[in-house]
């Protein structure tokens, strides 16, 4: 699942302060990779320290040398998982801006992003993100880690919106960062339908979101 070095702070080899992160210790990296592999098939509270140690073949003493406690490891893995989602989102946003030559171009690219990010196959990602946010409410350590990645995603979206505003493609009547939060809010809000017994038509939902983008942001 993971082919790049992992850290418990921000993704893209960055620490929570924005500085280049030091290369992770091989043992720490293996523990994180093992926890991430287990998270592919289990919920966080279903994973035990014995599972991680048995799969990684690392001693308990080494685990507690690299992490404050077992929860520290799981939290770090969850934030790494979220960081990968952030990287994926940024990888869709950046080309949309780079390939656009006009407001209509940008709108077309963003419409394609909506089709991908709001699809039924993203249901698990929405649940994972909502779960992580809920866990951070009473966990300052996790909240600090999550905040660094959340800020990175919001900044990337806000930068794109700000650039589009400067080019005259998007309205200047709203704050770019507020708009970036709105974009994430309606994406995550699809969860309301994910837990419904009478689910709405995906095309109808996507059409509504595209109309919102056109009429509010442009």
Protein backbone atom coordinates (compact mmCIF):
# COMPACT_ATOMS: atom_id res chain seq x y z
CA UNK A 1 0.00 0.00 0.00
CA UNK A 2 2.74 2.45 0.97
CA UNK A 3 5.67 3.00 -1.33
CA UNK A 4 7.01 6.24 0.09
CA UNK A 5 8.53 7.12 3.48
CA UNK A 6 5.97 7.78 6.15
CA UNK A 7 5.88 10.25 8.99
CA UNK A 8 3.44 10.89 11.78
CA UNK A 9 3.30 14.58 10.91
CA UNK A 10 2.49 15.89 7.45
CA UNK A 11 2.68 14.17 4.09
CA UNK A 12 5.01 14.97 1.19
CA UNK A 13 8.08 14.57 3.43
CA UNK A 14 7.10 17.60 5.47
CA UNK A 15 6.85 18.02 9.21
CA UNK A 16 3.95 19.82 10.88
CA UNK A 17 6.08 22.99 10.81
CA UNK A 18 6.51 22.81 7.04
CA UNK A 19 10.21 21.95 7.23
CA UNK A 20 11.61 18.94 5.41
CA UNK A 21 11.07 15.93 7.65
CA UNK A 22 13.99 13.71 8.62
CA UNK A 23 14.05 10.25 7.06
CA UNK A 24 12.06 7.93 9.34
CA UNK A 25 13.82 5.19 11.27
CA UNK A 26 13.40 1.82 9.46
CA UNK A 27 11.80 0.22 12.51
CA UNK A 28 9.37 3.08 12.96
CA UNK A 29 8.53 2.98 9.25
CA UNK A 30 7.87 -0.76 9.35
CA UNK A 31 5.57 -0.36 12.36
CA UNK A 32 3.63 2.34 10.51
CA UNK A 33 3.39 0.27 7.33
CA UNK A 34 2.14 -2.70 9.31
CA UNK A 35 -0.51 -0.60 11.06
CA UNK A 36 -1.57 0.86 7.71
CA UNK A 37 -1.91 -2.61 6.21
CA UNK A 38 -4.10 -3.70 9.12
CA UNK A 39 -6.22 -0.55 8.74
CA UNK A 40 -7.10 -1.64 5.21
CA UNK A 41 -9.25 -4.42 6.65
CA UNK A 42 -9.99 -3.42 10.24
CA UNK A 43 -11.29 -0.45 12.20
CA UNK A 44 -8.74 1.29 14.46
CA UNK A 45 -10.25 -0.03 17.69
CA UNK A 46 -10.08 -3.62 16.37
CA UNK A 47 -6.30 -3.54 15.95
CA UNK A 48 -4.18 -4.72 18.88
CA UNK A 49 -0.51 -4.31 19.66
CA UNK A 50 -0.05 -8.09 19.34
CA UNK A 51 -1.38 -7.95 15.76
CA UNK A 52 1.13 -5.26 14.81
CA UNK A 53 4.04 -6.99 16.54
CA UNK A 54 3.22 -10.39 15.06
CA UNK A 55 2.90 -9.04 11.52
CA UNK A 56 5.99 -6.82 11.73
CA UNK A 57 8.10 -9.23 13.82
CA UNK A 58 9.26 -6.26 15.88
CA UNK A 59 9.66 -6.42 19.65
CA UNK A 60 7.34 -4.66 22.05
CA UNK A 61 10.29 -2.73 23.44
CA UNK A 62 11.09 -1.33 20.00
CA UNK A 63 7.48 -0.27 19.52
CA UNK A 64 7.53 1.76 22.73
CA UNK A 65 10.94 3.17 21.85
CA UNK A 66 9.51 4.80 18.73
CA UNK A 67 5.99 5.63 20.00
CA UNK A 68 4.71 6.96 23.31
CA UNK A 69 2.13 4.18 23.47
CA UNK A 70 0.19 1.91 21.12
CA UNK A 71 -2.45 4.58 20.51
CA UNK A 72 0.35 6.88 19.33
CA UNK A 73 1.19 4.35 16.60
CA UNK A 74 -2.42 3.95 15.47
CA UNK A 75 -2.94 7.72 15.43
CA UNK A 76 0.23 8.20 13.38
CA UNK A 77 -0.94 5.55 10.90
CA UNK A 78 -4.39 7.13 10.61
CA UNK A 79 -2.87 10.53 9.87
CA UNK A 80 -0.51 8.97 7.31
CA UNK A 81 -3.57 7.40 5.70
CA UNK A 82 -5.27 10.79 5.61
CA UNK A 83 -2.08 12.39 4.26
CA UNK A 84 -2.20 10.02 1.29
CA UNK A 85 -5.80 11.09 0.64
CA UNK A 86 -4.69 14.72 0.84
CA UNK A 87 -1.92 14.03 -1.67
CA UNK A 88 -4.45 12.38 -3.97
CA UNK A 89 -6.80 15.35 -3.73
CA UNK A 90 -4.01 17.82 -4.45
CA UNK A 91 -2.93 15.67 -7.39
CA UNK A 92 -6.39 16.20 -8.90
CA UNK A 93 -6.62 19.91 -8.08
CA UNK A 94 -3.23 21.07 -9.36
CA UNK A 95 -3.58 19.73 -12.95
CA UNK A 96 -7.07 21.25 -13.20
CA UNK A 97 -5.58 24.69 -12.61
CA UNK A 98 -2.52 24.11 -14.80
CA UNK A 99 -4.52 22.82 -17.77
CA UNK A 100 -7.13 25.58 -17.71
CA UNK A 101 -6.97 28.50 -20.13
CA UNK A 102 -10.34 30.01 -19.24
CA UNK A 103 -13.11 29.93 -16.66
CA UNK A 104 -15.00 27.36 -18.73
CA UNK A 105 -11.92 25.17 -18.91
CA UNK A 106 -11.54 25.27 -15.15
CA UNK A 107 -15.23 24.59 -14.62
CA UNK A 108 -14.99 21.56 -16.87
CA UNK A 109 -12.00 20.18 -14.99
CA UNK A 110 -13.67 20.77 -11.62
CA UNK A 111 -16.77 18.97 -12.87
CA UNK A 112 -14.62 15.93 -13.59
CA UNK A 113 -13.16 16.14 -10.07
CA UNK A 114 -16.69 16.16 -8.63
CA UNK A 115 -17.56 13.00 -10.55
CA UNK A 116 -14.56 11.24 -9.03
CA UNK A 117 -14.63 12.53 -5.45
CA UNK A 118 -18.37 12.17 -4.92
CA UNK A 119 -18.67 8.67 -6.34
CA UNK A 120 -19.92 5.65 -4.37
CA UNK A 121 -16.42 4.15 -4.41
CA UNK A 122 -15.28 7.05 -2.20
CA UNK A 123 -17.75 6.07 0.52
CA UNK A 124 -15.03 4.44 2.62
CA UNK A 125 -12.83 7.52 2.39
CA UNK A 126 -15.68 9.72 3.64
CA UNK A 127 -16.31 7.43 6.61
CA UNK A 128 -12.59 7.26 7.44
CA UNK A 129 -12.31 11.04 7.42
CA UNK A 130 -15.42 11.53 9.55
CA UNK A 131 -14.15 8.91 12.01
CA UNK A 132 -10.77 10.62 12.24
CA UNK A 133 -12.35 14.01 12.88
CA UNK A 134 -14.55 12.52 15.63
CA UNK A 135 -11.56 10.82 17.26
CA UNK A 136 -9.63 14.10 17.33
CA UNK A 137 -12.35 15.90 19.33
CA UNK A 138 -11.06 14.58 22.68
CA UNK A 139 -7.49 13.74 21.63
CA UNK A 140 -5.20 16.81 21.49
CA UNK A 141 -2.27 14.80 20.13
CA UNK A 142 -4.28 13.44 17.23
CA UNK A 143 -5.95 16.81 16.68
CA UNK A 144 -2.56 18.50 16.25
CA UNK A 145 -1.42 15.90 13.73
CA UNK A 146 -4.67 16.05 11.82
CA UNK A 147 -4.66 19.85 11.76
CA UNK A 148 -1.36 19.94 9.86
CA UNK A 149 -2.73 17.77 7.07
CA UNK A 150 -6.12 19.48 7.03
CA UNK A 151 -4.44 22.88 6.74
CA UNK A 152 -2.35 21.58 3.84
CA UNK A 153 -5.43 20.45 1.92
CA UNK A 154 -7.39 23.62 2.65
CA UNK A 155 -4.41 25.77 1.60
CA UNK A 156 -4.05 23.88 -1.70
CA UNK A 157 -7.72 24.40 -2.59
CA UNK A 158 -7.62 28.02 -1.43
CA UNK A 159 -4.52 28.68 -3.55
CA UNK A 160 -6.29 27.35 -6.64
CA UNK A 161 -9.35 29.47 -5.95
CA UNK A 162 -7.20 32.53 -5.25
CA UNK A 163 -5.33 32.06 -8.53
CA UNK A 164 -8.63 31.72 -10.42
CA UNK A 165 -9.89 34.90 -8.75
CA UNK A 166 -6.75 36.78 -9.78
CA UNK A 167 -7.28 35.65 -13.37
CA UNK A 168 -10.88 36.84 -13.28
CA UNK A 169 -12.30 33.31 -13.64
CA UNK A 170 -13.92 33.10 -10.22
CA UNK A 171 -15.86 35.70 -8.28
CA UNK A 172 -13.92 37.92 -5.88
CA UNK A 173 -16.95 38.36 -3.64
CA UNK A 174 -15.92 35.65 -1.18
CA UNK A 175 -12.84 34.64 0.80
CA UNK A 176 -10.82 31.91 -0.94
CA UNK A 177 -10.16 29.93 2.25
CA UNK A 178 -13.84 30.01 3.21
CA UNK A 179 -14.67 28.67 -0.24
CA UNK A 180 -12.06 25.93 0.20
CA UNK A 181 -13.76 24.80 3.40
CA UNK A 182 -17.15 24.87 1.66
CA UNK A 183 -15.84 22.59 -1.11
CA UNK A 184 -14.68 20.07 1.47
CA UNK A 185 -17.87 20.40 3.48
CA UNK A 186 -20.20 19.39 0.66
CA UNK A 187 -17.87 16.55 -0.31
CA UNK A 188 -17.81 15.15 3.22
CA UNK A 189 -21.53 15.89 3.54
CA UNK A 190 -22.26 13.14 1.04
CA UNK A 191 -22.07 10.92 4.14
CA UNK A 192 -25.66 11.91 4.89
CA UNK A 193 -26.68 9.92 1.84
CA UNK A 194 -24.14 7.15 2.45
CA UNK A 195 -26.04 6.12 5.60
CA UNK A 196 -29.51 6.45 4.08
CA UNK A 197 -31.76 3.55 3.12
CA UNK A 198 -33.17 5.50 0.16
CA UNK A 199 -30.06 6.82 -1.53
CA UNK A 200 -30.26 9.67 -4.00
CA UNK A 201 -29.23 9.34 -7.63
CA UNK A 202 -25.47 10.01 -7.92
CA UNK A 203 -25.83 11.88 -11.20
CA UNK A 204 -28.53 14.12 -9.74
CA UNK A 205 -26.28 14.92 -6.76
CA UNK A 206 -23.25 15.64 -8.93
CA UNK A 207 -25.35 17.84 -11.22
CA UNK A 208 -26.50 19.87 -8.21
CA UNK A 209 -22.93 20.30 -6.91
CA UNK A 210 -21.71 21.42 -10.34
CA UNK A 211 -24.54 23.97 -10.49
CA UNK A 212 -23.56 25.21 -7.02
CA UNK A 213 -19.95 25.60 -8.13
CA UNK A 214 -20.94 27.49 -11.26
CA UNK A 215 -23.49 29.80 -9.61
CA UNK A 216 -21.67 30.49 -6.33
CA UNK A 217 -17.95 30.27 -7.01
CA UNK A 218 -17.82 31.54 -10.60
